[in-house]
C-alpha cells in the first residue's frame, strides 16, 4: 500500500475572527440576520488581569482597507457558527443581531489550583 497524501488542515471557525482582531480574546460583532452577507466588527478586547475587572479594549481590530473582507468574514461566521457555545447574543432587532464571541478563555479559567 502506498502512502496517502495528507488531508488539508481544517481551519477552526474562530480562526477567521482571530485574523480580523489579532490578540483579541473577545469580539463584539453584528450582522443583518436576513442575509448574513455583511457583518461588522464593533469592538475587540483582551481579558483583564483579574476576574471581575473591565475588558481591555484593542484599538487595532480592523483596518480601513479590509472593510469588505471584514463584512463578509463576520457575516459568513455568524451564518454558519452563531450557535457555538462561545457565541452569545447581546441584542436583536429587525435589522441587526449583535453577538459577543469568546476567542480565548479567560486566564483565570485555566488555573489548576487555588494559589491561596
C-alpha atoms as a PDB file:
ATOM      1  CA  UNK A   1       0.000   0.000   0.000  1.00  0.00           C
ATOM      2  CA  UNK A   2       1.288   3.467  -0.889  1.00  0.00           C
ATOM      3  CA  UNK A   3       1.160   6.419   1.392  1.00  0.00           C
ATOM      4  CA  UNK A   4      -1.877   8.580   1.049  1.00  0.00           C
ATOM      5  CA  UNK A   5      -1.429  12.301   0.680  1.00  0.00           C
ATOM      6  CA  UNK A   6      -2.155  14.253   3.860  1.00  0.00           C
ATOM      7  CA  UNK A   7      -5.541  15.864   4.163  1.00  0.00           C
ATOM      8  CA  UNK A   8      -5.562  19.665   4.201  1.00  0.00           C
ATOM      9  CA  UNK A   9      -5.745  21.096   7.706  1.00  0.00           C
ATOM     10  CA  UNK A  10      -9.207  22.414   8.523  1.00  0.00           C
ATOM     11  CA  UNK A  11      -9.255  25.891   9.977  1.00  0.00           C
ATOM     12  CA  UNK A  12     -11.342  26.134  13.126  1.00  0.00           C
ATOM     13  CA  UNK A  13     -14.254  28.549  12.748  1.00  0.00           C
ATOM     14  CA  UNK A  14     -12.819  31.065  15.199  1.00  0.00           C
ATOM     15  CA  UNK A  15      -9.575  31.480  13.248  1.00  0.00           C
ATOM     16  CA  UNK A  16     -11.251  33.770  10.712  1.00  0.00           C
ATOM     17  CA  UNK A  17     -12.308  36.149  13.500  1.00  0.00           C
ATOM     18  CA  UNK A  18      -8.905  35.925  15.194  1.00  0.00           C
ATOM     19  CA  UNK A  19      -7.334  37.128  11.940  1.00  0.00           C
ATOM     20  CA  UNK A  20      -9.587  40.200  11.956  1.00  0.00           C
ATOM     21  CA  UNK A  21      -8.685  41.078  15.539  1.00  0.00           C
ATOM     22  CA  UNK A  22      -5.159  39.816  16.279  1.00  0.00           C
ATOM     23  CA  UNK A  23      -4.567  39.489  20.001  1.00  0.00           C
ATOM     24  CA  UNK A  24      -8.248  39.791  20.915  1.00  0.00           C
ATOM     25  CA  UNK A  25      -9.839  37.425  23.420  1.00  0.00           C
ATOM     26  CA  UNK A  26     -13.418  38.664  22.937  1.00  0.00           C
ATOM     27  CA  UNK A  27     -15.039  40.451  19.992  1.00  0.00           C
ATOM     28  CA  UNK A  28     -18.411  42.117  19.554  1.00  0.00           C
ATOM     29  CA  UNK A  29     -19.898  41.704  16.061  1.00  0.00           C
ATOM     30  CA  UNK A  30     -23.197  42.359  14.334  1.00  0.00           C
ATOM     31  CA  UNK A  31     -24.864  41.415  11.074  1.00  0.00           C
ATOM     32  CA  UNK A  32     -28.168  41.577   9.240  1.00  0.00           C
ATOM     33  CA  UNK A  33     -29.990  38.298  10.012  1.00  0.00           C
ATOM     34  CA  UNK A  34     -31.949  38.362   6.754  1.00  0.00           C
ATOM     35  CA  UNK A  35     -28.968  37.579   4.559  1.00  0.00           C
ATOM     36  CA  UNK A  36     -25.861  37.251   6.774  1.00  0.00           C
ATOM     37  CA  UNK A  37     -23.944  38.732   3.830  1.00  0.00           C
ATOM     38  CA  UNK A  38     -22.472  41.652   5.677  1.00  0.00           C
ATOM     39  CA  UNK A  39     -21.209  41.967   9.186  1.00  0.00           C
ATOM     40  CA  UNK A  40     -19.380  44.496  11.283  1.00  0.00           C
ATOM     41  CA  UNK A  41     -16.672  44.227  13.907  1.00  0.00           C
ATOM     42  CA  UNK A  42     -17.846  46.546  16.676  1.00  0.00           C
ATOM     43  CA  UNK A  43     -15.115  46.071  19.280  1.00  0.00           C
ATOM     44  CA  UNK A  44     -12.263  43.807  20.300  1.00  0.00           C
ATOM     45  CA  UNK A  45     -10.971  43.218  23.820  1.00  0.00           C
ATOM     46  CA  UNK A  46      -8.459  41.263  25.838  1.00  0.00           C
ATOM     47  CA  UNK A  47      -9.290  39.748  29.188  1.00  0.00           C
ATOM     48  CA  UNK A  48      -8.428  41.844  32.240  1.00  0.00           C
ATOM     49  CA  UNK A  49      -5.709  40.647  34.578  1.00  0.00           C
ATOM     50  CA  UNK A  50      -8.187  39.736  37.308  1.00  0.00           C
ATOM     51  CA  UNK A  51     -11.678  38.300  37.189  1.00  0.00           C
ATOM     52  CA  UNK A  52     -14.366  40.966  37.645  1.00  0.00           C
ATOM     53  CA  UNK A  53     -12.336  43.797  36.095  1.00  0.00           C
ATOM     54  CA  UNK A  54     -13.372  45.509  32.847  1.00  0.00           C
ATOM     55  CA  UNK A  55     -12.279  44.257  29.432  1.00  0.00           C
ATOM     56  CA  UNK A  56      -9.199  45.919  27.959  1.00  0.00           C
ATOM     57  CA  UNK A  57     -10.087  47.430  24.545  1.00  0.00           C
ATOM     58  CA  UNK A  58      -7.923  46.842  21.477  1.00  0.00           C
ATOM     59  CA  UNK A  59      -7.706  49.702  19.022  1.00  0.00           C
ATOM     60  CA  UNK A  60      -6.226  47.778  16.067  1.00  0.00           C
ATOM     61  CA  UNK A  61      -9.034  45.297  15.453  1.00  0.00           C
ATOM     62  CA  UNK A  62      -9.581  46.027  11.777  1.00  0.00           C
ATOM     63  CA  UNK A  63      -8.114  48.200   9.061  1.00  0.00           C
ATOM     64  CA  UNK A  64      -9.988  50.510   6.626  1.00  0.00           C
ATOM     65  CA  UNK A  65      -8.830  48.639   3.506  1.00  0.00           C
ATOM     66  CA  UNK A  66     -10.265  45.405   4.931  1.00  0.00           C
ATOM     67  CA  UNK A  67     -13.868  46.603   5.312  1.00  0.00           C
ATOM     68  CA  UNK A  68     -15.321  44.327   2.613  1.00  0.00           C
ATOM     69  CA  UNK A  69     -13.328  41.287   3.762  1.00  0.00           C
ATOM     70  CA  UNK A  70     -14.304  42.005   7.382  1.00  0.00           C
ATOM     71  CA  UNK A  71     -18.006  42.296   6.486  1.00  0.00           C
ATOM     72  CA  UNK A  72     -18.019  39.050   4.504  1.00  0.00           C
ATOM     73  CA  UNK A  73     -15.964  37.144   7.103  1.00  0.00           C
ATOM     74  CA  UNK A  74     -18.216  38.142  10.005  1.00  0.00           C
ATOM     75  CA  UNK A  75     -21.392  37.520   8.005  1.00  0.00           C
ATOM     76  CA  UNK A  76     -20.242  34.033   6.986  1.00  0.00           C
ATOM     77  CA  UNK A  77     -19.105  33.217  10.525  1.00  0.00           C
ATOM     78  CA  UNK A  78     -22.459  34.210  12.033  1.00  0.00           C
ATOM     79  CA  UNK A  79     -24.434  32.436   9.314  1.00  0.00           C
ATOM     80  CA  UNK A  80     -22.680  29.133   9.992  1.00  0.00           C
ATOM     81  CA  UNK A  81     -21.407  29.277  13.567  1.00  0.00           C
ATOM     82  CA  UNK A  82     -23.636  31.601  15.655  1.00  0.00           C
ATOM     83  CA  UNK A  83     -24.880  28.626  17.706  1.00  0.00           C
ATOM     84  CA  UNK A  84     -21.439  27.691  19.063  1.00  0.00           C
ATOM     85  CA  UNK A  85     -21.203  27.807  22.878  1.00  0.00           C
ATOM     86  CA  UNK A  86     -18.627  30.630  22.649  1.00  0.00           C
ATOM     87  CA  UNK A  87     -21.095  32.891  20.808  1.00  0.00           C
ATOM     88  CA  UNK A  88     -23.732  34.788  22.756  1.00  0.00           C
ATOM     89  CA  UNK A  89     -26.456  37.093  21.503  1.00  0.00           C
ATOM     90  CA  UNK A  90     -26.444  40.547  23.055  1.00  0.00           C
ATOM     91  CA  UNK A  91     -29.155  42.334  21.089  1.00  0.00           C
ATOM     92  CA  UNK A  92     -31.654  41.539  18.342  1.00  0.00           C
ATOM     93  CA  UNK A  93     -33.715  43.868  16.190  1.00  0.00           C
ATOM     94  CA  UNK A  94     -35.357  43.579  12.787  1.00  0.00           C
ATOM     95  CA  UNK A  95     -32.234  44.983  11.121  1.00  0.00           C
ATOM     96  CA  UNK A  96     -29.284  43.545  13.055  1.00  0.00           C
ATOM     97  CA  UNK A  97     -28.263  40.908  15.547  1.00  0.00           C
ATOM     98  CA  UNK A  98     -25.358  41.719  17.849  1.00  0.00           C
ATOM     99  CA  UNK A  99     -23.180  38.990  19.375  1.00  0.00           C
ATOM    100  CA  UNK A 100     -20.145  38.600  21.588  1.00  0.00           C
ATOM    101  CA  UNK A 101     -17.691  35.877  20.635  1.00  0.00           C
ATOM    102  CA  UNK A 102     -15.122  34.454  23.045  1.00  0.00           C
ATOM    103  CA  UNK A 103     -11.975  33.726  21.040  1.00  0.00           C
ATOM    104  CA  UNK A 104      -9.855  32.603  24.002  1.00  0.00           C
ATOM    105  CA  UNK A 105     -10.780  31.545  27.539  1.00  0.00           C
ATOM    106  CA  UNK A 106     -10.027  33.930  30.393  1.00  0.00           C
ATOM    107  CA  UNK A 107      -6.707  33.247  32.121  1.00  0.00           C
ATOM    108  CA  UNK A 108      -8.342  32.555  35.471  1.00  0.00           C
ATOM    109  CA  UNK A 109     -10.397  29.711  33.962  1.00  0.00           C
ATOM    110  CA  UNK A 110      -7.147  27.942  33.079  1.00  0.00           C
ATOM    111  CA  UNK A 111      -5.802  28.000  36.648  1.00  0.00           C
ATOM    112  CA  UNK A 112      -5.423  24.484  38.033  1.00  0.00           C
ATOM    113  CA  UNK A 113      -5.099  25.182  41.730  1.00  0.00           C
ATOM    114  CA  UNK A 114      -6.002  27.982  44.094  1.00  0.00           C
ATOM    115  CA  UNK A 115      -2.851  29.975  44.902  1.00  0.00           C
ATOM    116  CA  UNK A 116      -4.101  30.807  48.408  1.00  0.00           C
END
